[in-house]
Amino acid sequence: MNVCGGHERSISAAGLRRALPPQIELIPGPGCPVCVCPEEDVHAAIGLASRKDVTLLAFGDMLRVPCNGPRSEPRSLVQAHAAGGDVRPIASPSEAVRIAASLPDRQVVFFAAGFETTTAPVAAMVAAGVPSNLSVLLSARLTWPAVAMLLDSEDAGFDALIAPGHVATIMGPEQWQFVPQKHGLPAAVAGFEPASLLEAIHSVLRQHLARTAFLDNCYPRVAREGGNPTARALLSSVFDVAAARWRGIGTIEASGYGFKAAYAGVDAGNRFDLREREQRRRAGQMPPGCDCARVVLGRIYPHQCALYGRACTPRSPIGPCMVSDEGACRIWWSSGVRREASHAAGAPG
């Protein structure tokens, strides 16, 4: 299993699946933050964007993520914008600060969804101080707990792990030691070039054949022991770690970031009293008929979803995995995989 959406994009673009023997399966894993962002958080962001006094900011991938609701209401931030909401895509937290400073008479909300690599800059932004009219709707997750949940299940569905290099750069490669130490599976940290991915694949195959298991860092020029101390210190000073919901999957222990009490005033959930999002009838669920959750967990390949390429395409996505550039469905479709054509036919595992 390759955890990272960036890895999946590189694997597909380089044609690595076609280059490897058919008995070696590369299974996309839960490394798409857009795909697992809770439905109720998307709904809350749409509700905030619909307010006349709010400017809603989000990373570009989040704008088209659908939530469950009647067709008479906006079901994505793009639709909220079309209905008159002030919704703006941004590429970094510094843009959020700049926009909030330029709009002192409006409430500005930054919808911040992501894993450790994008959450660390959010922590830096908050620690440095933000304009009083800027708040953050935080939907941030840690990567490793989802993999731990799979490995703790009765059928993990994979025999080795390719760990994400960008997360290891922030948190340190040693964060993935639990894979060989606790579960006895080969693991390797990889970068995003095909050569680094092939090195990691070679490493875990060599471990498997030798009947051994250890963590191999195949991205040493960037991912070093201890990770980025400054980024880790910022994350721990601004956020607490707690159980969190993953869309379509459920609650995973110690998998989400939340604001510490000292920064509660920056939390959009407090500023706008968004507690009702937890009581939504379809909170946490994927759209009807969507198999994104099983794709994210590596239970099926993207083309095995009944909606893939039929009702669900990049032009008209139904599930979040078809929206994001890190979503396996979007990556497979962009790489030319259609329902009837795949080297990786059959269920993973």
Protein backbone atom coordinates (compact mmCIF):
# COMPACT_ATOMS: atom_id res chain seq x y z
CA MET A 1 0.00 0.00 0.00
CA ASN A 2 1.21 3.48 -0.88
CA VAL A 3 -0.34 5.88 1.62
CA CYS A 4 0.17 9.19 -0.15
CA GLY A 5 -1.93 10.71 -2.93
CA GLY A 6 1.24 12.29 -4.29
CA HIS A 7 2.80 8.83 -4.51
CA GLU A 8 -0.27 7.55 -6.33
CA ARG A 9 -0.04 10.40 -8.81
CA SER A 10 3.65 9.65 -9.49
CA ILE A 11 3.02 5.90 -9.77
CA SER A 12 0.24 6.44 -12.30
CA ALA A 13 2.03 9.14 -14.30
CA ALA A 14 5.19 7.02 -14.59
CA GLY A 15 3.27 3.86 -15.48
CA LEU A 16 4.85 1.87 -12.65
CA ARG A 17 1.93 -0.56 -12.39
CA ARG A 18 2.36 -1.55 -16.02
CA ALA A 19 6.12 -1.87 -15.57
CA LEU A 20 5.93 -4.25 -12.59
CA PRO A 21 5.05 -7.96 -12.70
CA PRO A 22 1.31 -8.58 -12.23
CA GLN A 23 1.81 -10.38 -8.90
CA ILE A 24 3.01 -7.09 -7.39
CA GLU A 25 0.01 -4.93 -6.57
CA LEU A 26 0.32 -1.24 -5.71
CA ILE A 27 -2.74 -0.35 -3.64
CA PRO A 28 -3.75 3.31 -3.13
CA GLY A 29 -4.27 4.12 0.55
CA PRO A 30 -5.79 6.76 2.85
CA GLY A 31 -3.50 9.65 1.89
CA CYS A 32 -6.01 12.15 0.48
CA PRO A 33 -7.08 14.75 3.08
CA VAL A 34 -9.84 16.09 0.82
CA CYS A 35 -11.29 12.60 0.49
CA VAL A 36 -11.57 12.00 4.24
CA CYS A 37 -12.60 15.51 5.31
CA PRO A 38 -15.82 15.02 7.31
CA GLU A 39 -19.01 15.73 5.42
CA GLU A 40 -20.28 17.87 8.27
CA ASP A 41 -17.22 20.13 8.04
CA VAL A 42 -17.86 20.69 4.33
CA HIS A 43 -21.51 21.46 5.15
CA ALA A 44 -20.45 23.91 7.86
CA ALA A 45 -18.08 25.66 5.43
CA ILE A 46 -20.90 25.99 2.88
CA GLY A 47 -23.16 27.43 5.57
CA LEU A 48 -20.53 30.01 6.55
CA ALA A 49 -19.93 30.90 2.88
CA SER A 50 -23.64 31.58 2.51
CA ARG A 51 -23.55 34.28 5.19
CA LYS A 52 -23.47 37.85 3.89
CA ASP A 53 -20.87 38.94 6.45
CA VAL A 54 -18.37 36.10 5.84
CA THR A 55 -15.58 35.56 3.32
CA LEU A 56 -14.71 31.86 3.13
CA LEU A 57 -11.19 30.82 2.13
CA ALA A 58 -10.06 27.28 1.29
CA PHE A 59 -7.41 25.38 -0.57
CA GLY A 60 -8.52 24.91 -4.17
CA ASP A 61 -9.34 21.19 -3.96
CA MET A 62 -11.93 21.80 -1.27
CA LEU A 63 -14.11 24.03 -3.42
CA ARG A 64 -15.71 21.20 -5.41
CA VAL A 65 -16.05 18.60 -2.64
CA PRO A 66 -19.74 17.66 -2.41
CA CYS A 67 -21.74 17.27 0.77
CA ASN A 68 -25.09 15.59 1.28
CA GLY A 69 -28.13 17.82 0.99
CA PRO A 70 -31.15 18.72 -1.08
CA ARG A 71 -30.57 19.90 -4.64
CA SER A 72 -32.30 23.15 -3.77
CA GLU A 73 -29.33 24.12 -1.56
CA PRO A 74 -25.62 24.58 -2.39
CA ARG A 75 -23.83 21.25 -1.98
CA SER A 76 -20.29 22.49 -2.54
CA LEU A 77 -18.36 25.69 -2.02
CA VAL A 78 -18.40 26.28 -5.77
CA GLN A 79 -22.18 26.18 -5.69
CA ALA A 80 -22.21 28.47 -2.64
CA HIS A 81 -20.09 30.93 -4.61
CA ALA A 82 -22.47 30.70 -7.57
CA ALA A 83 -25.32 31.47 -5.17
CA GLY A 84 -23.64 34.71 -4.12
CA GLY A 85 -21.25 33.63 -1.38
CA ASP A 86 -17.81 35.20 -1.11
CA VAL A 87 -15.65 32.08 -1.57
CA ARG A 88 -11.98 32.40 -2.52
CA PRO A 89 -9.33 29.75 -3.20
CA ILE A 90 -5.94 30.27 -1.58
CA ALA A 91 -2.64 28.44 -1.74
CA SER A 92 -1.15 29.24 1.67
CA PRO A 93 -2.07 30.47 5.17
CA SER A 94 -0.19 33.73 4.50
CA GLU A 95 -2.81 34.54 1.87
CA ALA A 96 -5.51 34.12 4.51
CA VAL A 97 -3.78 36.66 6.75
CA ARG A 98 -3.36 39.11 3.88
CA ILE A 99 -7.00 38.84 2.78
CA ALA A 100 -8.31 39.19 6.34
CA ALA A 101 -6.18 42.30 6.86
CA SER A 102 -7.59 43.81 3.66
CA LEU A 103 -11.20 43.17 4.79
CA PRO A 104 -11.32 44.52 8.37
CA ASP A 105 -15.11 44.94 8.32
CA ARG A 106 -15.82 41.30 7.38
CA GLN A 107 -15.42 37.99 9.13
CA VAL A 108 -12.91 35.84 7.22
CA VAL A 109 -12.92 32.07 7.76
CA PHE A 110 -10.09 29.83 6.57
CA PHE A 111 -11.36 26.29 5.97
CA ALA A 112 -8.13 24.41 6.66
CA ALA A 113 -8.27 20.73 5.72
CA GLY A 114 -5.12 18.68 5.42
CA PHE A 115 -2.55 16.35 6.91
CA GLU A 116 0.58 17.21 8.88
CA THR A 117 2.39 18.90 5.99
CA THR A 118 -0.29 21.54 5.40
CA THR A 119 -1.33 21.78 9.05
CA ALA A 120 2.14 22.85 10.23
CA PRO A 121 1.96 26.15 8.27
CA VAL A 122 -1.52 26.74 9.74
CA ALA A 123 -0.01 26.30 13.20
CA ALA A 124 2.75 28.78 12.30
CA MET A 125 0.15 31.29 11.13
CA VAL A 126 -1.86 31.01 14.35
CA ALA A 127 1.21 31.12 16.61
CA ALA A 128 2.41 34.30 14.88
CA GLY A 129 -0.93 35.99 15.49
CA VAL A 130 -3.77 36.65 13.08
CA PRO A 131 -6.11 39.59 12.44
CA SER A 132 -9.03 39.68 14.86
CA ASN A 133 -11.51 39.04 12.03
CA LEU A 134 -9.79 35.81 10.91
CA SER A 135 -10.84 32.42 12.25
CA VAL A 136 -10.05 28.86 11.19
CA LEU A 137 -12.47 26.03 10.48
CA LEU A 138 -9.98 23.26 11.17
CA SER A 139 -10.35 19.82 9.62
CA ALA A 140 -6.81 18.51 10.03
CA ARG A 141 -5.79 14.88 10.38
CA LEU A 142 -2.69 12.81 11.17
CA THR A 143 -1.73 10.23 8.58
CA TRP A 144 -0.40 7.27 10.56
CA PRO A 145 -3.53 6.45 12.67
CA ALA A 146 -5.51 5.41 9.58
CA VAL A 147 -2.76 2.96 8.63
CA ALA A 148 -2.62 1.72 12.22
CA MET A 149 -6.37 1.16 12.14
CA LEU A 150 -6.06 -0.95 8.99
CA LEU A 151 -3.22 -2.99 10.46
CA ASP A 152 -5.18 -3.57 13.66
CA SER A 153 -8.14 -4.89 11.69
CA GLU A 154 -8.61 -8.58 10.86
CA ASP A 155 -7.61 -8.06 7.23
CA ALA A 156 -5.24 -5.17 6.52
CA GLY A 157 -5.25 -6.03 2.81
CA PHE A 158 -1.55 -5.35 2.15
CA ASP A 159 1.81 -6.99 2.84
CA ALA A 160 4.12 -3.94 2.89
CA LEU A 161 3.89 -0.17 3.23
CA ILE A 162 5.31 2.73 1.23
CA ALA A 163 5.22 5.61 3.74
CA PRO A 164 4.80 9.25 2.66
CA GLY A 165 8.00 11.22 2.33
CA HIS A 166 6.48 14.65 2.94
CA VAL A 167 4.90 13.57 6.23
CA ALA A 168 8.18 11.96 7.27
CA THR A 169 9.94 15.23 6.47
CA ILE A 170 7.77 16.99 9.07
CA MET A 171 7.25 14.26 11.67
CA GLY A 172 10.34 12.09 11.13
CA PRO A 173 10.61 8.69 9.39
CA GLU A 174 10.62 6.95 12.77
CA GLN A 175 6.89 7.67 13.08
CA TRP A 176 6.38 4.62 10.84
CA GLN A 177 8.47 2.23 12.93
CA PHE A 178 5.28 0.69 14.31
CA VAL A 179 4.65 -1.02 10.97
CA PRO A 180 7.63 -3.43 11.16
CA GLN A 181 7.99 -3.44 14.95
CA LYS A 182 4.37 -4.09 15.91
CA HIS A 183 3.01 -5.76 12.78
CA GLY A 184 6.07 -7.37 11.24
CA LEU A 185 5.54 -5.82 7.79
CA PRO A 186 8.23 -4.31 5.57
CA ALA A 187 8.09 -0.53 5.28
CA ALA A 188 9.96 2.15 3.36
CA VAL A 189 9.70 5.93 3.22
CA ALA A 190 9.68 7.21 -0.37
CA GLY A 191 9.96 10.52 -2.15
CA PHE A 192 7.92 11.45 -5.17
CA GLU A 193 10.24 10.76 -8.09
CA PRO A 194 9.79 7.37 -9.80
CA ALA A 195 13.36 6.44 -8.84
CA SER A 196 12.65 6.93 -5.12
CA LEU A 197 9.40 5.00 -5.37
CA LEU A 198 11.14 2.14 -7.19
CA GLU A 199 13.85 2.12 -4.52
CA ALA A 200 11.19 1.82 -1.82
CA ILE A 201 9.34 -0.92 -3.72
CA HIS A 202 12.62 -2.80 -4.18
CA SER A 203 13.36 -2.43 -0.47
CA VAL A 204 10.05 -3.87 0.76
CA LEU A 205 10.22 -6.69 -1.80
CA ARG A 206 13.74 -7.53 -0.67
CA GLN A 207 12.57 -7.55 2.96
CA HIS A 208 9.59 -9.74 2.09
CA LEU A 209 11.77 -12.31 0.28
CA ALA A 210 14.26 -12.33 3.15
CA ARG A 211 11.42 -12.80 5.65
CA THR A 212 12.48 -9.77 7.62
CA ALA A 213 10.89 -6.40 8.32
CA PHE A 214 12.38 -3.01 9.07
CA LEU A 215 11.84 0.64 8.15
CA ASP A 216 14.00 1.77 5.25
CA ASN A 217 14.36 5.51 4.59
CA CYS A 218 14.58 5.88 0.82
CA TYR A 219 14.21 9.67 1.02
CA PRO A 220 17.18 10.57 3.28
CA ARG A 221 18.08 13.85 1.60
CA VAL A 222 14.80 15.37 2.85
CA ALA A 223 13.29 13.04 5.48
CA ARG A 224 15.64 12.89 8.45
CA GLU A 225 15.35 11.46 11.95
CA GLY A 226 13.35 13.79 14.16
CA GLY A 227 11.70 15.45 11.20
CA ASN A 228 11.42 19.23 11.28
CA PRO A 229 11.77 20.27 14.95
CA THR A 230 10.33 23.74 14.36
CA ALA A 231 7.25 22.42 12.58
CA ARG A 232 6.67 19.74 15.20
CA ALA A 233 7.01 22.29 18.01
CA LEU A 234 4.47 24.57 16.34
CA LEU A 235 2.00 21.73 15.89
CA SER A 236 2.27 20.68 19.51
CA SER A 237 2.07 24.26 20.85
CA VAL A 238 -1.07 25.24 18.90
CA PHE A 239 -3.00 21.96 18.63
CA ASP A 240 -4.08 19.03 20.74
CA VAL A 241 -4.46 15.56 19.24
CA ALA A 242 -7.77 13.78 19.76
CA ALA A 243 -10.13 11.25 18.20
CA ALA A 244 -11.54 12.50 14.90
CA ARG A 245 -14.03 11.44 12.27
CA TRP A 246 -12.91 10.40 8.79
CA ARG A 247 -15.54 10.63 6.10
CA GLY A 248 -17.08 7.27 5.30
CA ILE A 249 -14.72 5.50 7.71
CA GLY A 250 -15.78 6.61 11.17
CA THR A 251 -13.90 7.85 14.20
CA ILE A 252 -10.21 7.02 14.52
CA GLU A 253 -8.47 7.52 17.85
CA ALA A 254 -5.70 10.15 18.11
CA SER A 255 -6.10 11.10 14.45
CA GLY A 256 -7.23 14.73 14.50
CA TYR A 257 -5.89 18.14 15.44
CA GLY A 258 -7.91 20.59 17.52
CA PHE A 259 -7.08 24.01 18.94
CA LYS A 260 -5.60 24.25 22.41
CA ALA A 261 -7.57 26.35 24.88
CA ALA A 262 -5.19 29.29 24.45
CA TYR A 263 -6.22 29.56 20.80
CA ALA A 264 -9.94 28.88 21.20
CA GLY A 265 -10.73 32.38 19.94
CA VAL A 266 -9.32 31.49 16.51
CA ASP A 267 -11.56 28.43 16.23
CA ALA A 268 -14.43 29.16 13.81
CA GLY A 269 -16.43 26.45 15.56
CA ASN A 270 -16.48 28.60 18.68
CA ARG A 271 -16.88 31.94 16.96
CA PHE A 272 -19.89 30.83 14.92
CA ASP A 273 -21.25 28.08 17.23
CA LEU A 274 -21.09 25.21 14.73
CA ARG A 275 -21.95 22.47 17.20
CA GLU A 276 -25.00 21.45 15.16
CA ARG A 277 -22.78 19.93 12.47
CA GLU A 278 -22.30 16.84 14.66
CA GLN A 279 -26.04 16.19 14.67
CA ARG A 280 -26.47 16.15 10.89
CA ARG A 281 -28.51 13.19 9.72
CA ARG A 282 -25.83 12.09 7.26
CA ALA A 283 -22.81 13.37 9.15
CA GLY A 284 -19.68 11.50 8.15
CA GLN A 285 -21.27 9.72 5.22
CA MET A 286 -20.26 9.60 1.58
CA PRO A 287 -22.85 10.51 -1.08
CA PRO A 288 -25.37 7.73 -1.87
CA GLY A 289 -23.80 4.99 -3.99
CA CYS A 290 -20.27 6.37 -3.60
CA ASP A 291 -17.53 3.86 -2.74
CA CYS A 292 -14.83 6.42 -1.92
CA ALA A 293 -14.44 5.03 1.60
CA ARG A 294 -13.54 1.57 0.31
CA VAL A 295 -11.17 3.12 -2.24
CA VAL A 296 -9.45 5.13 0.51
CA LEU A 297 -9.08 2.01 2.66
CA GLY A 298 -7.63 0.01 -0.23
CA ARG A 299 -10.55 -2.44 -0.29
CA ILE A 300 -11.31 -1.81 -3.97
CA TYR A 301 -9.60 -0.08 -6.87
CA PRO A 302 -11.16 3.15 -8.15
CA HIS A 303 -12.57 1.63 -11.36
CA GLN A 304 -14.45 -0.95 -9.30
CA CYS A 305 -16.80 1.69 -7.85
CA ALA A 306 -20.17 1.44 -9.59
CA LEU A 307 -20.24 5.23 -10.14
CA TYR A 308 -16.72 5.52 -11.58
CA GLY A 309 -16.81 6.86 -15.12
CA ARG A 310 -20.58 6.72 -15.24
CA ALA A 311 -22.28 9.18 -12.91
CA CYS A 312 -18.95 10.24 -11.38
CA THR A 313 -16.27 11.93 -13.50
CA PRO A 314 -13.92 14.87 -12.89
CA ARG A 315 -16.36 17.12 -14.74
CA SER A 316 -19.26 16.09 -12.49
CA PRO A 317 -17.80 14.45 -9.36
CA ILE A 318 -20.09 12.71 -6.91
CA GLY A 319 -17.47 11.47 -4.46
CA PRO A 320 -14.49 13.39 -3.04
CA CYS A 321 -11.99 10.89 -4.51
CA MET A 322 -12.89 12.20 -7.98
CA VAL A 323 -12.38 15.83 -6.92
CA SER A 324 -8.90 16.12 -5.49
CA ASP A 325 -5.64 15.83 -7.40
CA GLU A 326 -4.64 13.45 -4.58
CA GLY A 327 -7.80 11.36 -4.89
CA ALA A 328 -7.21 7.91 -6.37
CA CYS A 329 -10.30 8.08 -8.60
CA ARG A 330 -9.27 11.42 -10.10
CA ILE A 331 -5.70 10.18 -10.59
CA TRP A 332 -6.77 6.95 -12.27
CA TRP A 333 -9.22 8.73 -14.56
CA SER A 334 -6.61 11.35 -15.51
CA SER A 335 -4.18 8.52 -16.27
CA GLY A 336 -6.62 6.97 -18.72
CA VAL A 337 -8.00 4.12 -16.61
CA ARG A 338 -11.59 3.41 -17.58
CA ARG A 339 -13.95 0.85 -16.12
CA GLU A 340 -13.08 -1.90 -18.57
CA ALA A 341 -9.30 -1.36 -18.69
CA SER A 342 -6.94 -1.86 -15.78
CA HIS A 343 -3.70 -3.76 -15.23
CA ALA A 344 -4.78 -4.08 -11.59
CA ALA A 345 -8.06 -5.90 -12.22
CA GLY A 346 -9.63 -7.63 -9.27
CA ALA A 347 -9.93 -6.59 -5.69
CA PRO A 348 -6.77 -5.60 -3.81
CA GLY A 349 -5.20 -8.01 -1.39
